[in-house]
């Protein structure tokens, strides 16, 4: 079963209707396929923050303090 949805598309998108003709299908089928592909794709692996994107790098540098924020001497010149 399918529900009908109406939407407005910019003219430059509608000008690309040749895609559906080239595929031998309807514009609706192209829109459905694009929407399903977009919804199935992970959003940055589900990690939306800088830290989330770099979690595999965290803690890989050796010889540094474990956490700079825990020792106030590391923050002495911060903001100057």
Protein backbone atom coordinates (compact mmCIF):
# COMPACT_ATOMS: atom_id res chain seq x y z
CA UNK A 1 0.00 0.00 0.00
CA UNK A 2 1.25 3.50 -0.79
CA UNK A 3 0.16 6.89 0.44
CA UNK A 4 0.16 9.84 -1.91
CA UNK A 5 2.36 12.78 -0.92
CA UNK A 6 2.45 16.09 -2.77
CA UNK A 7 5.56 18.20 -2.76
CA UNK A 8 6.96 21.21 -4.49
CA UNK A 9 10.25 20.87 -6.32
CA UNK A 10 12.45 23.61 -7.75
CA UNK A 11 12.41 24.02 -11.52
CA UNK A 12 16.05 22.90 -11.84
CA UNK A 13 15.09 19.55 -10.30
CA UNK A 14 12.11 19.09 -12.58
CA UNK A 15 14.30 19.83 -15.59
CA UNK A 16 16.10 16.59 -14.84
CA UNK A 17 13.06 14.48 -15.66
CA UNK A 18 15.11 12.98 -18.48
CA UNK A 19 16.57 10.69 -15.81
CA UNK A 20 13.27 8.87 -15.52
CA UNK A 21 12.99 8.62 -19.30
CA UNK A 22 16.52 7.22 -19.54
CA UNK A 23 15.69 4.63 -16.87
CA UNK A 24 12.39 3.78 -18.52
CA UNK A 25 10.47 4.54 -15.36
CA UNK A 26 8.30 7.25 -13.85
CA UNK A 27 9.38 10.42 -12.02
CA UNK A 28 7.65 9.02 -8.94
CA UNK A 29 9.77 5.88 -9.05
CA UNK A 30 12.96 7.95 -9.31
CA UNK A 31 11.92 10.11 -6.35
CA UNK A 32 11.04 7.01 -4.28
CA UNK A 33 14.39 5.37 -5.08
CA UNK A 34 16.34 8.53 -4.17
CA UNK A 35 14.41 8.97 -0.95
CA UNK A 36 14.90 5.35 0.11
CA UNK A 37 18.62 5.53 -0.68
CA UNK A 38 18.98 8.74 1.28
CA UNK A 39 17.11 7.40 4.30
CA UNK A 40 19.11 4.16 4.30
CA UNK A 41 22.48 5.96 4.31
CA UNK A 42 24.05 6.41 7.72
CA UNK A 43 24.38 9.97 8.96
CA UNK A 44 28.16 10.20 9.42
CA UNK A 45 28.04 6.77 10.99
CA UNK A 46 25.59 8.15 13.52
CA UNK A 47 28.32 10.43 14.89
CA UNK A 48 27.44 14.09 14.51
CA UNK A 49 30.06 15.84 16.66
CA UNK A 50 33.73 16.47 15.89
CA UNK A 51 34.62 14.20 18.78
CA UNK A 52 32.21 11.57 17.50
CA UNK A 53 33.86 11.63 14.10
CA UNK A 54 37.33 11.35 15.65
CA UNK A 55 36.70 8.84 18.44
CA UNK A 56 38.99 6.35 16.77
CA UNK A 57 41.82 8.88 17.12
CA UNK A 58 41.22 9.80 20.77
CA UNK A 59 43.98 8.55 23.03
CA UNK A 60 46.31 7.48 20.23
CA UNK A 61 49.08 9.98 21.02
CA UNK A 62 51.55 8.67 23.59
CA UNK A 63 53.38 10.71 26.23
CA UNK A 64 50.66 13.32 26.77
CA UNK A 65 48.74 13.94 29.99
CA UNK A 66 45.61 11.82 30.18
CA UNK A 67 43.31 14.82 30.53
CA UNK A 68 44.59 18.40 30.32
CA UNK A 69 41.51 19.75 32.10
CA UNK A 70 42.21 17.83 35.31
CA UNK A 71 45.45 19.65 36.03
CA UNK A 72 44.99 23.41 36.41
CA UNK A 73 48.63 24.18 35.51
CA UNK A 74 47.85 23.16 31.93
CA UNK A 75 45.20 25.90 31.83
CA UNK A 76 47.42 28.76 33.19
CA UNK A 77 47.90 30.61 29.88
CA UNK A 78 44.59 29.58 28.39
CA UNK A 79 42.73 32.52 26.85
CA UNK A 80 45.65 34.96 26.87
